[in-house]
Amino acid sequence: MTSSRLGASALPLALLAAVITSLAGTAAAPYLLLHGLDQEIAASEQTLVRLRKEVASESKLRQENLDLVALGQEANLLLEGSTAGISGAGLQKLISDIVVEHGGVASSLQLLPIEQQDKLERVALRLSISVEIDGLRDIVHAIETGKPLLFIDDLTVRTGEQDDGEIDPYYRGPLQVDLQVSGFRLRDKAGAA
């Protein structure tokens, strides 16, 4: 009978322990939820700081563009042409001349859609060239340091591949280069087209 008394008194204690554990879990749940929310808020604050920096830099770049226009330096730094098409053709010729001058061969040139940016239009060109490493260096230098002011937005370089698809570490042939170059022109010259 003593074992049945122990069993009978242990059952209420076990029930009491289960209820206390349940109550403790219920009381701790909001704190756990709050901790998760704190982590989300911290991550969101970091994203907000990053986005604020981007917005601040964008307005600075816009102001620099407007300053260039206001100073009348567009003749030296911006693409010439009475229309975006003429400016694009001028950009194609300029880039083709730079590529040929530095020993490269252009296999394709494609004008990209014009993008409007306040008083400026962004004229972009995508091209593929075949060139030696020294020629590529000279082409990049000529594009980024010459006038009008041009930007290399994207550059992909491929070397030769062996028959099995492996990259040849001793490849000496010309590089296959895809790049995107852009410049800006005044919108007003096109009659705000």
N, C-alpha and C. Protein backbone atom coordinates (compact mmCIF):
# COMPACT_ATOMS: atom_id res chain seq x y z
N MET A 1 0.79 -1.18 0.00
CA MET A 1 0.00 0.00 0.00
C MET A 1 0.85 1.26 0.00
N THR A 2 2.01 1.19 0.54
CA THR A 2 2.85 2.38 0.57
C THR A 2 3.25 2.80 -0.84
N SER A 3 3.43 1.88 -1.74
CA SER A 3 3.78 2.25 -3.12
C SER A 3 2.59 2.89 -3.80
N SER A 4 1.35 2.48 -3.47
CA SER A 4 0.20 3.12 -4.09
C SER A 4 0.02 4.53 -3.54
N ARG A 5 0.39 4.73 -2.25
CA ARG A 5 0.32 6.09 -1.70
C ARG A 5 1.34 7.00 -2.38
N LEU A 6 2.54 6.47 -2.61
CA LEU A 6 3.57 7.25 -3.30
C LEU A 6 3.11 7.57 -4.72
N GLY A 7 2.53 6.60 -5.39
CA GLY A 7 2.04 6.81 -6.75
C GLY A 7 0.92 7.82 -6.77
N ALA A 8 0.05 7.77 -5.79
CA ALA A 8 -1.08 8.70 -5.74
C ALA A 8 -0.60 10.10 -5.42
N SER A 9 0.43 10.26 -4.57
CA SER A 9 0.91 11.60 -4.25
C SER A 9 1.83 12.13 -5.35
N ALA A 10 2.45 11.28 -6.16
CA ALA A 10 3.34 11.70 -7.24
C ALA A 10 2.54 12.25 -8.41
N LEU A 11 1.34 11.75 -8.63
CA LEU A 11 0.52 12.20 -9.74
C LEU A 11 0.16 13.67 -9.62
N PRO A 12 -0.32 14.17 -8.47
CA PRO A 12 -0.58 15.61 -8.36
C PRO A 12 0.69 16.46 -8.51
N LEU A 13 1.82 15.94 -8.00
CA LEU A 13 3.08 16.68 -8.14
C LEU A 13 3.50 16.77 -9.62
N ALA A 14 3.33 15.71 -10.35
CA ALA A 14 3.67 15.70 -11.78
C ALA A 14 2.75 16.64 -12.53
N LEU A 15 1.48 16.63 -12.18
CA LEU A 15 0.54 17.56 -12.81
C LEU A 15 0.89 19.01 -12.49
N LEU A 16 1.25 19.25 -11.24
CA LEU A 16 1.65 20.59 -10.83
C LEU A 16 2.90 21.03 -11.58
N ALA A 17 3.87 20.14 -11.73
CA ALA A 17 5.11 20.47 -12.46
C ALA A 17 4.79 20.76 -13.93
N ALA A 18 3.88 20.01 -14.53
CA ALA A 18 3.51 20.23 -15.93
C ALA A 18 2.82 21.58 -16.09
N VAL A 19 1.94 21.92 -15.16
CA VAL A 19 1.25 23.22 -15.22
C VAL A 19 2.24 24.35 -15.05
N ILE A 20 3.18 24.24 -14.13
CA ILE A 20 4.20 25.29 -13.91
C ILE A 20 5.08 25.43 -15.14
N THR A 21 5.48 24.33 -15.75
CA THR A 21 6.31 24.37 -16.96
C THR A 21 5.54 25.03 -18.10
N SER A 22 4.27 24.70 -18.21
CA SER A 22 3.43 25.31 -19.25
C SER A 22 3.29 26.81 -19.03
N LEU A 23 3.07 27.20 -17.78
CA LEU A 23 2.96 28.62 -17.47
C LEU A 23 4.29 29.35 -17.73
N ALA A 24 5.41 28.72 -17.40
CA ALA A 24 6.72 29.33 -17.63
C ALA A 24 6.94 29.51 -19.14
N GLY A 25 6.57 28.50 -19.95
CA GLY A 25 6.70 28.60 -21.42
C GLY A 25 5.83 29.71 -21.97
N THR A 26 4.60 29.82 -21.43
CA THR A 26 3.69 30.87 -21.88
C THR A 26 4.24 32.24 -21.50
N ALA A 27 4.84 32.35 -20.31
CA ALA A 27 5.40 33.63 -19.88
C ALA A 27 6.65 33.99 -20.68
N ALA A 28 7.44 33.00 -21.12
CA ALA A 28 8.67 33.26 -21.86
C ALA A 28 8.41 33.53 -23.34
N ALA A 29 7.27 33.11 -23.87
CA ALA A 29 6.99 33.26 -25.30
C ALA A 29 7.07 34.71 -25.77
N PRO A 30 6.48 35.67 -25.07
CA PRO A 30 6.61 37.06 -25.54
C PRO A 30 8.06 37.55 -25.58
N TYR A 31 8.89 37.11 -24.62
CA TYR A 31 10.29 37.53 -24.62
C TYR A 31 11.03 36.94 -25.81
N LEU A 32 10.74 35.70 -26.15
CA LEU A 32 11.36 35.09 -27.32
C LEU A 32 10.91 35.79 -28.59
N LEU A 33 9.63 36.11 -28.66
CA LEU A 33 9.09 36.83 -29.81
C LEU A 33 9.72 38.22 -29.91
N LEU A 34 9.86 38.88 -28.80
CA LEU A 34 10.47 40.21 -28.75
C LEU A 34 11.92 40.15 -29.20
N HIS A 35 12.64 39.12 -28.82
CA HIS A 35 14.04 38.96 -29.24
C HIS A 35 14.12 38.82 -30.77
N GLY A 36 13.23 38.04 -31.35
CA GLY A 36 13.19 37.89 -32.81
C GLY A 36 12.88 39.22 -33.50
N LEU A 37 11.94 39.97 -32.93
CA LEU A 37 11.61 41.29 -33.49
C LEU A 37 12.78 42.25 -33.39
N ASP A 38 13.51 42.19 -32.25
CA ASP A 38 14.69 43.04 -32.10
C ASP A 38 15.73 42.76 -33.18
N GLN A 39 15.92 41.49 -33.51
CA GLN A 39 16.87 41.13 -34.56
C GLN A 39 16.40 41.65 -35.92
N GLU A 40 15.10 41.54 -36.22
CA GLU A 40 14.57 42.06 -37.47
C GLU A 40 14.73 43.57 -37.55
N ILE A 41 14.47 44.25 -36.44
CA ILE A 41 14.60 45.72 -36.40
C ILE A 41 16.05 46.12 -36.63
N ALA A 42 16.99 45.41 -36.02
CA ALA A 42 18.41 45.73 -36.19
C ALA A 42 18.82 45.55 -37.65
N ALA A 43 18.37 44.47 -38.28
CA ALA A 43 18.69 44.24 -39.69
C ALA A 43 18.06 45.31 -40.57
N SER A 44 16.84 45.70 -40.27
CA SER A 44 16.15 46.74 -41.04
C SER A 44 16.84 48.09 -40.87
N GLU A 45 17.34 48.38 -39.68
CA GLU A 45 18.05 49.63 -39.45
C GLU A 45 19.34 49.68 -40.27
N GLN A 46 20.04 48.56 -40.36
CA GLN A 46 21.26 48.50 -41.17
C GLN A 46 20.92 48.72 -42.65
N THR A 47 19.85 48.12 -43.12
CA THR A 47 19.42 48.32 -44.50
C THR A 47 19.05 49.76 -44.74
N LEU A 48 18.36 50.38 -43.79
CA LEU A 48 17.97 51.78 -43.91
C LEU A 48 19.20 52.69 -43.99
N VAL A 49 20.21 52.43 -43.18
CA VAL A 49 21.43 53.23 -43.22
C VAL A 49 22.09 53.10 -44.59
N ARG A 50 22.16 51.89 -45.13
CA ARG A 50 22.76 51.66 -46.44
C ARG A 50 21.98 52.39 -47.53
N LEU A 51 20.66 52.30 -47.48
CA LEU A 51 19.83 52.96 -48.49
C LEU A 51 19.93 54.48 -48.39
N ARG A 52 20.03 55.01 -47.18
CA ARG A 52 20.20 56.46 -47.02
C ARG A 52 21.51 56.92 -47.64
N LYS A 53 22.58 56.12 -47.47
CA LYS A 53 23.86 56.47 -48.08
C LYS A 53 23.75 56.48 -49.60
N GLU A 54 23.04 55.48 -50.16
CA GLU A 54 22.86 55.42 -51.61
C GLU A 54 22.07 56.62 -52.11
N VAL A 55 21.01 56.99 -51.40
CA VAL A 55 20.20 58.13 -51.81
C VAL A 55 21.03 59.41 -51.73
N ALA A 56 21.83 59.55 -50.67
CA ALA A 56 22.67 60.74 -50.54
C ALA A 56 23.68 60.82 -51.67
N SER A 57 24.26 59.70 -52.05
CA SER A 57 25.25 59.71 -53.13
C SER A 57 24.57 59.96 -54.48
N GLU A 58 23.34 59.47 -54.66
CA GLU A 58 22.63 59.70 -55.92
C GLU A 58 22.35 61.18 -56.11
N SER A 59 21.90 61.85 -55.06
CA SER A 59 21.62 63.28 -55.19
C SER A 59 22.92 64.05 -55.45
N LYS A 60 24.02 63.61 -54.88
CA LYS A 60 25.31 64.25 -55.13
C LYS A 60 25.70 64.08 -56.59
N LEU A 61 25.52 62.88 -57.15
CA LEU A 61 25.84 62.65 -58.56
C LEU A 61 24.93 63.47 -59.46
N ARG A 62 23.66 63.55 -59.13
CA ARG A 62 22.74 64.39 -59.92
C ARG A 62 23.20 65.85 -59.91
N GLN A 63 23.60 66.31 -58.73
CA GLN A 63 24.06 67.70 -58.63
C GLN A 63 25.33 67.90 -59.44
N GLU A 64 26.24 66.92 -59.44
CA GLU A 64 27.45 67.03 -60.25
C GLU A 64 27.08 67.12 -61.73
N ASN A 65 26.11 66.32 -62.17
CA ASN A 65 25.66 66.38 -63.56
C ASN A 65 25.11 67.76 -63.89
N LEU A 66 24.27 68.28 -63.01
CA LEU A 66 23.70 69.61 -63.23
C LEU A 66 24.78 70.69 -63.22
N ASP A 67 25.78 70.53 -62.35
CA ASP A 67 26.88 71.49 -62.30
C ASP A 67 27.66 71.50 -63.61
N LEU A 68 27.88 70.30 -64.18
CA LEU A 68 28.56 70.22 -65.47
C LEU A 68 27.79 70.98 -66.53
N VAL A 69 26.49 70.78 -66.55
CA VAL A 69 25.65 71.47 -67.53
C VAL A 69 25.70 72.97 -67.29
N ALA A 70 25.61 73.39 -66.02
CA ALA A 70 25.58 74.82 -65.69
C ALA A 70 26.90 75.50 -66.02
N LEU A 71 28.00 74.80 -65.88
CA LEU A 71 29.30 75.39 -66.15
C LEU A 71 29.61 75.50 -67.65
N GLY A 72 28.77 74.92 -68.46
CA GLY A 72 29.01 74.99 -69.90
C GLY A 72 30.11 74.06 -70.36
N GLN A 73 30.43 73.06 -69.58
CA GLN A 73 31.49 72.13 -69.95
C GLN A 73 30.98 71.00 -70.82
N GLU A 74 29.69 71.05 -71.16
CA GLU A 74 29.13 69.95 -71.93
C GLU A 74 29.82 69.76 -73.27
N ALA A 75 30.38 70.82 -73.83
CA ALA A 75 31.04 70.69 -75.13
C ALA A 75 32.25 69.78 -75.04
N ASN A 76 32.93 69.76 -73.92
CA ASN A 76 34.11 68.92 -73.78
C ASN A 76 33.80 67.55 -73.20
N LEU A 77 32.86 67.48 -72.28
CA LEU A 77 32.66 66.24 -71.53
C LEU A 77 31.45 65.42 -71.97
N LEU A 78 30.51 66.04 -72.67
CA LEU A 78 29.31 65.32 -73.08
C LEU A 78 29.39 64.95 -74.56
N LEU A 79 28.63 63.92 -74.92
CA LEU A 79 28.58 63.49 -76.32
C LEU A 79 27.94 64.57 -77.17
N GLU A 80 28.43 64.71 -78.38
CA GLU A 80 27.88 65.69 -79.29
C GLU A 80 26.84 65.03 -80.18
N GLY A 81 25.98 65.86 -80.77
CA GLY A 81 24.98 65.37 -81.70
C GLY A 81 23.65 66.04 -81.44
N SER A 82 22.95 66.38 -82.53
CA SER A 82 21.67 67.08 -82.38
C SER A 82 20.55 66.14 -81.96
N THR A 83 20.74 64.83 -82.11
CA THR A 83 19.76 63.84 -81.66
C THR A 83 20.49 62.72 -80.94
N ALA A 84 19.73 61.92 -80.22
CA ALA A 84 20.33 60.78 -79.52
C ALA A 84 20.92 59.79 -80.51
N GLY A 85 20.28 59.64 -81.67
CA GLY A 85 20.79 58.72 -82.69
C GLY A 85 22.14 59.16 -83.22
N ILE A 86 22.27 60.47 -83.45
CA ILE A 86 23.56 60.99 -83.94
C ILE A 86 24.62 60.85 -82.86
N SER A 87 24.25 61.10 -81.62
CA SER A 87 25.20 60.92 -80.52
C SER A 87 25.62 59.46 -80.41
N GLY A 88 24.67 58.55 -80.60
CA GLY A 88 24.98 57.12 -80.57
C GLY A 88 25.91 56.72 -81.69
N ALA A 89 25.68 57.25 -82.88
CA ALA A 89 26.57 56.96 -84.01
C ALA A 89 27.97 57.51 -83.74
N GLY A 90 28.03 58.70 -83.16
CA GLY A 90 29.34 59.27 -82.80
C GLY A 90 30.05 58.41 -81.77
N LEU A 91 29.30 57.90 -80.79
CA LEU A 91 29.88 57.02 -79.78
C LEU A 91 30.41 55.74 -80.42
N GLN A 92 29.64 55.17 -81.36
CA GLN A 92 30.09 53.96 -82.06
C GLN A 92 31.39 54.22 -82.80
N LYS A 93 31.46 55.33 -83.51
CA LYS A 93 32.68 55.63 -84.27
C LYS A 93 33.86 55.86 -83.34
N LEU A 94 33.64 56.61 -82.26
CA LEU A 94 34.70 56.89 -81.31
C LEU A 94 35.26 55.59 -80.72
N ILE A 95 34.38 54.70 -80.28
CA ILE A 95 34.82 53.43 -79.67
C ILE A 95 35.49 52.54 -80.72
N SER A 96 34.93 52.48 -81.93
CA SER A 96 35.55 51.68 -83.00
C SER A 96 36.96 52.16 -83.29
N ASP A 97 37.14 53.49 -83.35
CA ASP A 97 38.47 54.05 -83.60
C ASP A 97 39.44 53.70 -82.48
N ILE A 98 38.99 53.78 -81.24
CA ILE A 98 39.84 53.44 -80.10
C ILE A 98 40.25 51.97 -80.17
N VAL A 99 39.30 51.09 -80.48
CA VAL A 99 39.59 49.64 -80.54
C VAL A 99 40.60 49.36 -81.63
N VAL A 100 40.40 49.91 -82.82
CA VAL A 100 41.31 49.67 -83.95
C VAL A 100 42.69 50.26 -83.65
N GLU A 101 42.72 51.45 -83.07
CA GLU A 101 43.99 52.11 -82.76
C GLU A 101 44.87 51.27 -81.83
N HIS A 102 44.24 50.48 -80.97
CA HIS A 102 45.01 49.68 -80.00
C HIS A 102 45.04 48.20 -80.35
N GLY A 103 44.87 47.88 -81.62
CA GLY A 103 45.07 46.52 -82.11
C GLY A 103 43.92 45.57 -81.88
N GLY A 104 42.75 46.05 -81.59
CA GLY A 104 41.60 45.18 -81.37
C GLY A 104 40.73 45.09 -82.61
N VAL A 105 39.87 44.09 -82.61
CA VAL A 105 38.91 43.89 -83.70
C VAL A 105 37.53 43.78 -83.07
N ALA A 106 36.62 44.68 -83.47
CA ALA A 106 35.25 44.65 -82.94
C ALA A 106 34.42 43.69 -83.79
N SER A 107 33.75 42.75 -83.13
CA SER A 107 32.91 41.80 -83.87
C SER A 107 31.45 42.20 -83.82
N SER A 108 31.04 43.00 -82.83
CA SER A 108 29.66 43.47 -82.80
C SER A 108 29.58 44.74 -81.98
N LEU A 109 28.71 45.64 -82.44
CA LEU A 109 28.42 46.90 -81.73
C LEU A 109 26.91 47.05 -81.71
N GLN A 110 26.35 47.35 -80.54
CA GLN A 110 24.90 47.50 -80.42
C GLN A 110 24.58 48.67 -79.51
N LEU A 111 23.82 49.63 -80.05
CA LEU A 111 23.36 50.74 -79.23
C LEU A 111 22.22 50.26 -78.33
N LEU A 112 22.24 50.67 -77.08
CA LEU A 112 21.20 50.30 -76.12
C LEU A 112 20.17 51.42 -76.04
N PRO A 113 18.99 51.15 -75.51
CA PRO A 113 17.97 52.21 -75.39
C PRO A 113 18.48 53.41 -74.58
N ILE A 114 18.07 54.58 -75.00
CA ILE A 114 18.46 55.83 -74.35
C ILE A 114 17.72 55.93 -73.02
N GLU A 115 18.43 56.37 -71.98
CA GLU A 115 17.83 56.57 -70.66
C GLU A 115 17.82 58.07 -70.35
N GLN A 116 16.67 58.56 -69.90
CA GLN A 116 16.52 59.98 -69.55
C GLN A 116 16.94 60.19 -68.10
N GLN A 117 17.76 61.20 -67.84
CA GLN A 117 18.19 61.53 -66.48
C GLN A 117 18.24 63.05 -66.36
N ASP A 118 17.15 63.63 -65.87
CA ASP A 118 17.02 65.08 -65.74
C ASP A 118 17.27 65.74 -67.09
N LYS A 119 18.27 66.61 -67.16
CA LYS A 119 18.56 67.33 -68.40
C LYS A 119 19.49 66.54 -69.31
N LEU A 120 19.89 65.35 -68.87
CA LEU A 120 20.84 64.55 -69.64
C LEU A 120 20.19 63.28 -70.17
N GLU A 121 20.77 62.75 -71.22
CA GLU A 121 20.39 61.44 -71.75
C GLU A 121 21.63 60.55 -71.70
N ARG A 122 21.44 59.32 -71.25
CA ARG A 122 22.53 58.35 -71.19
C ARG A 122 22.49 57.53 -72.48
N VAL A 123 23.59 57.60 -73.23
CA VAL A 123 23.72 56.85 -74.48
C VAL A 123 24.71 55.72 -74.20
N ALA A 124 24.27 54.47 -74.41
CA ALA A 124 25.11 53.31 -74.07
C ALA A 124 25.30 52.42 -75.29
N LEU A 125 26.44 51.75 -75.30
CA LEU A 125 26.84 50.88 -76.41
C LEU A 125 27.39 49.59 -75.83
N ARG A 126 26.95 48.46 -76.38
CA ARG A 126 27.49 47.15 -75.99
C ARG A 126 28.30 46.64 -77.17
N LEU A 127 29.50 46.14 -76.91
CA LEU A 127 30.32 45.63 -78.00
C LEU A 127 31.14 44.43 -77.56
N SER A 128 31.54 43.65 -78.56
CA SER A 128 32.41 42.51 -78.36
C SER A 128 33.66 42.74 -79.19
N ILE A 129 34.81 42.52 -78.56
CA ILE A 129 36.07 42.72 -79.27
C ILE A 129 37.00 41.56 -79.01
N SER A 130 37.97 41.41 -79.89
CA SER A 130 39.05 40.45 -79.74
C SER A 130 40.34 41.27 -79.70
N VAL A 131 41.12 41.11 -78.62
CA VAL A 131 42.29 41.96 -78.43
C VAL A 131 43.30 41.28 -77.51
N GLU A 132 44.58 41.63 -77.68
CA GLU A 132 45.63 41.14 -76.78
C GLU A 132 45.52 41.88 -75.45
N ILE A 133 46.17 41.37 -74.42
CA ILE A 133 46.06 41.95 -73.07
C ILE A 133 46.56 43.39 -73.02
N ASP A 134 47.67 43.69 -73.69
CA ASP A 134 48.18 45.07 -73.68
C ASP A 134 47.22 46.01 -74.40
N GLY A 135 46.64 45.55 -75.49
CA GLY A 135 45.67 46.36 -76.21
C GLY A 135 44.43 46.63 -75.36
N LEU A 136 43.99 45.63 -74.59
CA LEU A 136 42.83 45.81 -73.72
C LEU A 136 43.12 46.88 -72.67
N ARG A 137 44.30 46.81 -72.10
CA ARG A 137 44.69 47.84 -71.12
C ARG A 137 44.62 49.23 -71.74
N ASP A 138 45.17 49.36 -72.95
CA ASP A 138 45.18 50.67 -73.61
C ASP A 138 43.77 51.13 -73.99
N ILE A 139 42.93 50.21 -74.40
CA ILE A 139 41.54 50.56 -74.76
C ILE A 139 40.79 51.07 -73.53
N VAL A 140 40.90 50.35 -72.43
CA VAL A 140 40.22 50.76 -71.19
C VAL A 140 40.73 52.13 -70.75
N HIS A 141 42.03 52.33 -70.82
CA HIS A 141 42.62 53.62 -70.43
C HIS A 141 42.11 54.74 -71.33
N ALA A 142 42.09 54.52 -72.64
CA ALA A 142 41.65 55.55 -73.58
C ALA A 142 40.18 55.90 -73.37
N ILE A 143 39.35 54.90 -73.10
CA ILE A 143 37.92 55.15 -72.89
C ILE A 143 37.70 55.96 -71.61
N GLU A 144 38.35 55.56 -70.54
CA GLU A 144 38.06 56.17 -69.25
C GLU A 144 38.77 57.49 -68.99
N THR A 145 39.78 57.83 -69.79
CA THR A 145 40.50 59.08 -69.53
C THR A 145 40.32 60.11 -70.65
N GLY A 146 39.66 59.74 -71.73
CA GLY A 146 39.52 60.65 -72.85
C GLY A 146 38.31 61.56 -72.73
N LYS A 147 38.12 62.35 -73.77
CA LYS A 147 36.95 63.21 -73.86
C LYS A 147 36.24 62.85 -75.14
N PRO A 148 34.94 62.79 -75.13
CA PRO A 148 34.01 63.09 -74.04
C PRO A 148 34.14 62.09 -72.89
N LEU A 149 33.53 62.44 -71.78
CA LEU A 149 33.57 61.61 -70.58
C LEU A 149 32.76 60.34 -70.82
N LEU A 150 33.43 59.19 -70.78
CA LEU A 150 32.78 57.89 -71.01
C LEU A 150 33.00 56.99 -69.81
N PHE A 151 32.08 56.05 -69.64
CA PHE A 151 32.15 55.12 -68.51
C PHE A 151 32.06 53.70 -69.03
N ILE A 152 32.88 52.81 -68.46
CA ILE A 152 32.75 51.38 -68.75
C ILE A 152 31.84 50.81 -67.68
N ASP A 153 30.60 50.47 -68.09
CA ASP A 153 29.60 49.99 -67.15
C ASP A 153 29.75 48.50 -66.84
N ASP A 154 30.28 47.75 -67.81
CA ASP A 154 30.38 46.31 -67.65
C ASP A 154 31.54 45.82 -68.51
N LEU A 155 32.30 44.85 -68.01
CA LEU A 155 33.44 44.32 -68.74
C LEU A 155 33.57 42.84 -68.40
N THR A 156 33.55 41.99 -69.43
CA THR A 156 33.73 40.55 -69.25
C THR A 156 34.85 40.10 -70.17
N VAL A 157 35.81 39.37 -69.61
CA VAL A 157 36.96 38.91 -70.39
C VAL A 157 36.98 37.39 -70.36
N ARG A 158 37.11 36.80 -71.55
CA ARG A 158 37.21 35.34 -71.67
C ARG A 158 38.53 34.99 -72.35
N THR A 159 39.17 33.93 -71.84
CA THR A 159 40.39 33.44 -72.47
C THR A 159 40.05 32.19 -73.25
N GLY A 160 41.04 31.62 -73.89
CA GLY A 160 40.81 30.41 -74.67
C GLY A 160 40.49 29.22 -73.81
N GLU A 161 39.70 28.33 -74.36
CA GLU A 161 39.37 27.08 -73.66
C GLU A 161 39.94 25.92 -74.45
N GLN A 162 40.39 24.90 -73.73
CA GLN A 162 40.87 23.71 -74.40
C GLN A 162 39.67 22.92 -74.91
N ASP A 163 39.95 21.85 -75.67
CA ASP A 163 38.87 21.04 -76.25
C ASP A 163 37.95 20.44 -75.19
N ASP A 164 38.47 20.16 -74.00
CA ASP A 164 37.65 19.55 -72.95
C ASP A 164 36.92 20.58 -72.09
N GLY A 165 36.96 21.86 -72.46
CA GLY A 165 36.25 22.90 -71.73
C GLY A 165 37.05 23.51 -70.59
N GLU A 166 38.24 22.98 -70.33
CA GLU A 166 39.10 23.52 -69.27
C GLU A 166 39.74 24.82 -69.75
N ILE A 167 40.00 25.72 -68.83
CA ILE A 167 40.70 26.96 -69.17
C ILE A 167 42.18 26.67 -69.29
N ASP A 168 42.78 27.14 -70.37
CA ASP A 168 44.20 26.93 -70.63
C ASP A 168 45.01 27.99 -69.89
N PRO A 169 45.79 27.62 -68.87
CA PRO A 169 46.55 28.62 -68.12
C PRO A 169 47.70 29.23 -68.93
N TYR A 170 48.07 28.60 -70.06
CA TYR A 170 49.17 29.09 -70.89
C TYR A 170 48.66 29.77 -72.15
N TYR A 171 47.39 30.15 -72.17
CA TYR A 171 46.77 30.76 -73.34
C TYR A 171 47.45 32.09 -73.66
N ARG A 172 47.88 32.26 -74.90
CA ARG A 172 48.57 33.48 -75.30
C ARG A 172 47.82 34.23 -76.39
N GLY A 173 46.74 33.65 -76.86
CA GLY A 173 46.00 34.25 -77.96
C GLY A 173 45.22 35.48 -77.54
N PRO A 174 44.47 36.07 -78.46
CA PRO A 174 43.69 37.26 -78.11
C PRO A 174 42.56 36.92 -77.13
N LEU A 175 42.22 37.90 -76.32
CA LEU A 175 41.13 37.76 -75.36
C LEU A 175 39.82 38.12 -76.05
N GLN A 176 38.76 37.47 -75.64
CA GLN A 176 37.42 37.82 -76.12
C GLN A 176 36.79 38.69 -75.04
N VAL A 177 36.46 39.93 -75.38
CA VAL A 177 36.02 40.90 -74.39
C VAL A 177 34.64 41.43 -74.77
N ASP A 178 33.72 41.41 -73.81
CA ASP A 178 32.41 42.04 -73.97
C ASP A 178 32.39 43.22 -73.01
N LEU A 179 32.02 44.40 -73.52
CA LEU A 179 31.94 45.54 -72.63
C LEU A 179 30.79 46.45 -73.00
N GLN A 180 30.39 47.21 -72.03
CA GLN A 180 29.32 48.20 -72.21
C GLN A 180 29.89 49.55 -71.83
N VAL A 181 29.79 50.49 -72.76
CA VAL A 181 30.33 51.83 -72.58
C VAL A 181 29.18 52.82 -72.67
N SER A 182 29.20 53.84 -71.82
CA SER A 182 28.13 54.84 -71.89
C SER A 182 28.70 56.24 -71.72
N GLY A 183 27.95 57.21 -72.24
CA GLY A 183 28.28 58.61 -72.10
C GLY A 183 26.97 59.38 -71.99
N PHE A 184 27.06 60.68 -71.79
CA PHE A 184 25.87 61.50 -71.61
C PHE A 184 25.83 62.61 -72.64
N ARG A 185 24.63 63.03 -72.98
CA ARG A 185 24.42 64.16 -73.88
C ARG A 185 23.31 65.03 -73.29
N LEU A 186 23.28 66.28 -73.69
CA LEU A 186 22.23 67.19 -73.23
C LEU A 186 20.92 66.85 -73.92
N ARG A 187 19.84 66.76 -73.15
CA ARG A 187 18.51 66.52 -73.73
C ARG A 187 18.06 67.70 -74.57
N ASP A 188 18.39 68.90 -74.14
CA ASP A 188 17.90 70.12 -74.80
C ASP A 188 18.30 70.18 -76.27
N LYS A 189 19.43 69.58 -76.61
CA LYS A 189 19.88 69.62 -77.99
C LYS A 189 18.94 68.87 -78.91
N ALA A 190 18.22 67.90 -78.34
CA ALA A 190 17.27 67.13 -79.15
C ALA A 190 15.87 67.74 -79.09
N GLY A 191 15.76 68.93 -78.53
CA GLY A 191 14.44 69.54 -78.39
C GLY A 191 13.62 68.82 -77.34
N ALA A 192 14.30 68.31 -76.30
CA ALA A 192 13.67 67.56 -75.21
C ALA A 192 12.91 66.37 -75.76
N ALA A 193 13.57 65.60 -76.64
CA ALA A 193 12.94 64.43 -77.26
C ALA A 193 12.76 63.31 -76.30
